[in-house]
C-alpha atoms as a PDB file:
ATOM      1  CA  UNK A   1     -96.298  10.184 -19.677  1.00  0.00           C
ATOM      2  CA  UNK A   2     -97.865  12.197 -23.064  1.00  0.00           C
ATOM      3  CA  UNK A   3     -95.593  14.779 -22.258  1.00  0.00           C
ATOM      4  CA  UNK A   4     -92.811  13.133 -23.015  1.00  0.00           C
ATOM      5  CA  UNK A   5     -93.531  11.484 -26.052  1.00  0.00           C
ATOM      6  CA  UNK A   6     -94.614  15.252 -27.703  1.00  0.00           C
ATOM      7  CA  UNK A   7     -91.058  16.404 -26.755  1.00  0.00           C
ATOM      8  CA  UNK A   8     -88.515  13.813 -27.159  1.00  0.00           C
ATOM      9  CA  UNK A   9     -88.643  13.758 -31.053  1.00  0.00           C
ATOM     10  CA  UNK A  10     -87.767  17.153 -30.823  1.00  0.00           C
ATOM     11  CA  UNK A  11     -84.548  16.800 -28.895  1.00  0.00           C
ATOM     12  CA  UNK A  12     -84.087  13.791 -30.405  1.00  0.00           C
ATOM     13  CA  UNK A  13     -83.982  16.119 -33.668  1.00  0.00           C
ATOM     14  CA  UNK A  14     -81.327  18.503 -31.837  1.00  0.00           C
ATOM     15  CA  UNK A  15     -79.020  16.144 -29.927  1.00  0.00           C
ATOM     16  CA  UNK A  16     -79.033  14.579 -33.995  1.00  0.00           C
ATOM     17  CA  UNK A  17     -78.529  17.944 -36.099  1.00  0.00           C
ATOM     18  CA  UNK A  18     -75.733  18.719 -33.261  1.00  0.00           C
ATOM     19  CA  UNK A  19     -73.662  15.800 -33.795  1.00  0.00           C
ATOM     20  CA  UNK A  20     -74.395  15.541 -37.358  1.00  0.00           C
ATOM     21  CA  UNK A  21     -72.475  18.768 -37.632  1.00  0.00           C
ATOM     22  CA  UNK A  22     -69.861  18.863 -35.099  1.00  0.00           C
ATOM     23  CA  UNK A  23     -71.646  22.264 -33.752  1.00  0.00           C
ATOM     24  CA  UNK A  24     -72.996  22.476 -29.952  1.00  0.00           C
ATOM     25  CA  UNK A  25     -75.758  25.723 -30.323  1.00  0.00           C
ATOM     26  CA  UNK A  26     -75.138  28.307 -28.679  1.00  0.00           C
ATOM     27  CA  UNK A  27     -77.957  28.776 -26.411  1.00  0.00           C
ATOM     28  CA  UNK A  28     -76.371  25.348 -24.775  1.00  0.00           C
ATOM     29  CA  UNK A  29     -72.790  27.378 -24.057  1.00  0.00           C
ATOM     30  CA  UNK A  30     -74.779  29.537 -21.973  1.00  0.00           C
ATOM     31  CA  UNK A  31     -74.363  28.819 -18.538  1.00  0.00           C
ATOM     32  CA  UNK A  32     -75.955  30.777 -14.567  1.00  0.00           C
ATOM     33  CA  UNK A  33     -72.917  31.029 -12.828  1.00  0.00           C
ATOM     34  CA  UNK A  34     -73.757  31.485  -9.292  1.00  0.00           C
ATOM     35  CA  UNK A  35     -71.500  31.594  -5.910  1.00  0.00           C
ATOM     36  CA  UNK A  36     -71.939  28.870  -3.399  1.00  0.00           C
ATOM     37  CA  UNK A  37     -70.503  29.298   0.335  1.00  0.00           C
ATOM     38  CA  UNK A  38     -67.496  26.291   0.243  1.00  0.00           C
ATOM     39  CA  UNK A  39     -68.125  25.259   4.209  1.00  0.00           C
ATOM     40  CA  UNK A  40     -71.278  25.930   5.936  1.00  0.00           C
ATOM     41  CA  UNK A  41     -69.551  27.785   9.356  1.00  0.00           C
ATOM     42  CA  UNK A  42     -67.552  30.092   6.827  1.00  0.00           C
ATOM     43  CA  UNK A  43     -67.933  34.347   7.038  1.00  0.00           C
ATOM     44  CA  UNK A  44     -70.483  35.616   4.712  1.00  0.00           C
ATOM     45  CA  UNK A  45     -69.392  38.701   3.483  1.00  0.00           C
ATOM     46  CA  UNK A  46     -65.392  37.202   3.227  1.00  0.00           C
ATOM     47  CA  UNK A  47     -65.558  36.169  -1.569  1.00  0.00           C
ATOM     48  CA  UNK A  48     -62.611  34.072  -1.060  1.00  0.00           C
ATOM     49  CA  UNK A  49     -65.496  31.845   0.972  1.00  0.00           C
ATOM     50  CA  UNK A  50     -67.052  31.514  -1.918  1.00  0.00           C
ATOM     51  CA  UNK A  51     -66.904  28.876  -4.974  1.00  0.00           C
ATOM     52  CA  UNK A  52     -68.538  29.714  -8.408  1.00  0.00           C
ATOM     53  CA  UNK A  53     -70.877  27.269  -9.719  1.00  0.00           C
ATOM     54  CA  UNK A  54     -71.917  26.978 -12.697  1.00  0.00           C
ATOM     55  CA  UNK A  55     -74.968  25.380 -14.298  1.00  0.00           C
ATOM     56  CA  UNK A  56     -75.964  24.969 -17.821  1.00  0.00           C
ATOM     57  CA  UNK A  57     -79.143  24.739 -19.755  1.00  0.00           C
ATOM     58  CA  UNK A  58     -80.187  20.831 -19.295  1.00  0.00           C
ATOM     59  CA  UNK A  59     -80.007  20.168 -22.974  1.00  0.00           C
ATOM     60  CA  UNK A  60     -76.359  19.975 -22.902  1.00  0.00           C
ATOM     61  CA  UNK A  61     -76.522  17.711 -20.647  1.00  0.00           C
ATOM     62  CA  UNK A  62     -77.831  15.434 -22.801  1.00  0.00           C
ATOM     63  CA  UNK A  63     -76.178  16.212 -25.683  1.00  0.00           C
ATOM     64  CA  UNK A  64     -72.931  15.212 -23.311  1.00  0.00           C
ATOM     65  CA  UNK A  65     -74.061  12.526 -22.523  1.00  0.00           C
ATOM     66  CA  UNK A  66     -74.846  11.166 -25.738  1.00  0.00           C
ATOM     67  CA  UNK A  67     -71.627  12.114 -26.948  1.00  0.00           C
ATOM     68  CA  UNK A  68     -69.788  10.364 -24.173  1.00  0.00           C
ATOM     69  CA  UNK A  69     -72.028   6.926 -25.273  1.00  0.00           C
ATOM     70  CA  UNK A  70     -71.069   7.265 -28.519  1.00  0.00           C
ATOM     71  CA  UNK A  71     -67.841   7.634 -27.332  1.00  0.00           C
ATOM     72  CA  UNK A  72     -67.364   5.101 -24.971  1.00  0.00           C
ATOM     73  CA  UNK A  73     -69.343   2.579 -27.433  1.00  0.00           C
ATOM     74  CA  UNK A  74     -66.409   3.930 -30.688  1.00  0.00           C
ATOM     75  CA  UNK A  75     -63.786   3.170 -27.516  1.00  0.00           C
ATOM     76  CA  UNK A  76     -65.475  -0.278 -26.694  1.00  0.00           C
ATOM     77  CA  UNK A  77     -65.942  -1.850 -30.212  1.00  0.00           C
ATOM     78  CA  UNK A  78     -62.492  -0.987 -31.379  1.00  0.00           C
ATOM     79  CA  UNK A  79     -59.996  -1.086 -28.551  1.00  0.00           C
ATOM     80  CA  UNK A  80     -57.893   1.890 -27.267  1.00  0.00           C
ATOM     81  CA  UNK A  81     -55.842   3.154 -29.388  1.00  0.00           C
ATOM     82  CA  UNK A  82     -52.676   2.676 -28.003  1.00  0.00           C
ATOM     83  CA  UNK A  83     -51.404   0.270 -25.281  1.00  0.00           C
ATOM     84  CA  UNK A  84     -51.159   2.426 -21.754  1.00  0.00           C
ATOM     85  CA  UNK A  85     -54.165   4.553 -22.925  1.00  0.00           C
ATOM     86  CA  UNK A  86     -56.252   5.397 -19.916  1.00  0.00           C
ATOM     87  CA  UNK A  87     -58.774   8.061 -21.116  1.00  0.00           C
ATOM     88  CA  UNK A  88     -62.457   6.968 -21.047  1.00  0.00           C
ATOM     89  CA  UNK A  89     -61.755   3.003 -19.533  1.00  0.00           C
ATOM     90  CA  UNK A  90     -63.276   1.956 -16.197  1.00  0.00           C
ATOM     91  CA  UNK A  91     -60.776   2.236 -13.696  1.00  0.00           C
ATOM     92  CA  UNK A  92     -58.701   4.429 -15.448  1.00  0.00           C
ATOM     93  CA  UNK A  93     -57.643   7.378 -13.435  1.00  0.00           C
ATOM     94  CA  UNK A  94     -54.828  10.020 -13.195  1.00  0.00           C
ATOM     95  CA  UNK A  95     -53.972   8.328  -9.837  1.00  0.00           C
ATOM     96  CA  UNK A  96     -54.002   5.121 -11.621  1.00  0.00           C
ATOM     97  CA  UNK A  97     -51.493   5.769 -14.302  1.00  0.00           C
ATOM     98  CA  UNK A  98     -49.230   7.442 -11.545  1.00  0.00           C
ATOM     99  CA  UNK A  99     -48.988   4.657  -9.737  1.00  0.00           C
ATOM    100  CA  UNK A 100     -47.895   2.440 -12.292  1.00  0.00           C
ATOM    101  CA  UNK A 101     -45.180   5.131 -13.804  1.00  0.00           C
ATOM    102  CA  UNK A 102     -44.259   4.681 -10.077  1.00  0.00           C
ATOM    103  CA  UNK A 103     -44.738   0.638  -9.808  1.00  0.00           C
ATOM    104  CA  UNK A 104     -42.296   0.312 -12.982  1.00  0.00           C
ATOM    105  CA  UNK A 105     -39.740   2.916 -11.963  1.00  0.00           C
ATOM    106  CA  UNK A 106     -39.111   1.248  -9.038  1.00  0.00           C
ATOM    107  CA  UNK A 107     -38.880  -2.539 -10.455  1.00  0.00           C
ATOM    108  CA  UNK A 108     -36.872  -1.157 -13.247  1.00  0.00           C
ATOM    109  CA  UNK A 109     -34.236   0.302 -10.162  1.00  0.00           C
ATOM    110  CA  UNK A 110     -35.304  -3.125  -7.930  1.00  0.00           C
ATOM    111  CA  UNK A 111     -33.582  -4.722 -11.289  1.00  0.00           C
ATOM    112  CA  UNK A 112     -30.740  -2.342 -12.046  1.00  0.00           C
ATOM    113  CA  UNK A 113     -31.673  -1.451 -14.966  1.00  0.00           C
ATOM    114  CA  UNK A 114     -31.945   2.148 -16.436  1.00  0.00           C
ATOM    115  CA  UNK A 115     -34.276   5.012 -16.258  1.00  0.00           C
ATOM    116  CA  UNK A 116     -35.224   7.876 -18.077  1.00  0.00           C
ATOM    117  CA  UNK A 117     -38.522   9.926 -16.910  1.00  0.00           C
ATOM    118  CA  UNK A 118     -37.521  13.541 -18.447  1.00  0.00           C
ATOM    119  CA  UNK A 119     -38.508  16.353 -16.531  1.00  0.00           C
ATOM    120  CA  UNK A 120     -40.443  17.846 -19.300  1.00  0.00           C
ATOM    121  CA  UNK A 121     -43.251  16.197 -17.970  1.00  0.00           C
ATOM    122  CA  UNK A 122     -43.343  17.276 -14.510  1.00  0.00           C
ATOM    123  CA  UNK A 123     -45.997  20.538 -14.595  1.00  0.00           C
ATOM    124  CA  UNK A 124     -44.637  22.123 -11.827  1.00  0.00           C
ATOM    125  CA  UNK A 125     -40.450  22.914  -9.971  1.00  0.00           C
ATOM    126  CA  UNK A 126     -41.722  21.603  -6.831  1.00  0.00           C
ATOM    127  CA  UNK A 127     -42.599  18.043  -8.409  1.00  0.00           C
ATOM    128  CA  UNK A 128     -38.763  17.458 -10.559  1.00  0.00           C
ATOM    129  CA  UNK A 129     -37.583  18.920  -6.758  1.00  0.00           C
ATOM    130  CA  UNK A 130     -39.592  15.711  -5.176  1.00  0.00           C
ATOM    131  CA  UNK A 131     -38.748  13.499  -7.934  1.00  0.00           C
ATOM    132  CA  UNK A 132     -34.936  14.549  -7.401  1.00  0.00           C
ATOM    133  CA  UNK A 133     -34.695  13.474  -4.097  1.00  0.00           C
ATOM    134  CA  UNK A 134     -37.294  10.714  -4.118  1.00  0.00           C
ATOM    135  CA  UNK A 135     -34.688   9.229  -6.421  1.00  0.00           C
ATOM    136  CA  UNK A 136     -31.851  10.412  -5.303  1.00  0.00           C
ATOM    137  CA  UNK A 137     -32.578   8.502  -1.540  1.00  0.00           C
ATOM    138  CA  UNK A 138     -33.592   5.456  -3.582  1.00  0.00           C
ATOM    139  CA  UNK A 139     -29.659   4.712  -4.463  1.00  0.00           C
END
């Protein structure tokens, strides 16, 4: 690939400079936003049937991948900062974390231990109500 050999040093220099200065070039931040229909068969005249999709320049994707690779390498070498740190780890998601917390709470209930879960961590009042009902029914 003759073209790649000519372009790669320039791309590498741009990415390295961005990482060295901790700045993302302005041109990487300009996205083209296009409307896409949510499902085929929906009324194309109804604007609520569309969702916006942002297309960023390919160089921003290359920079993102470079940062992710370095971040994952750092975390894998140095380990997570906390025992229950789930971000950027394979097979760890918000669902996994939620299941773990739910399981820990139920285990404490079964052991007749006190378990405190502050409501402030619940994002919406409806979530708090569901938790209250679930805990009340568990007695």
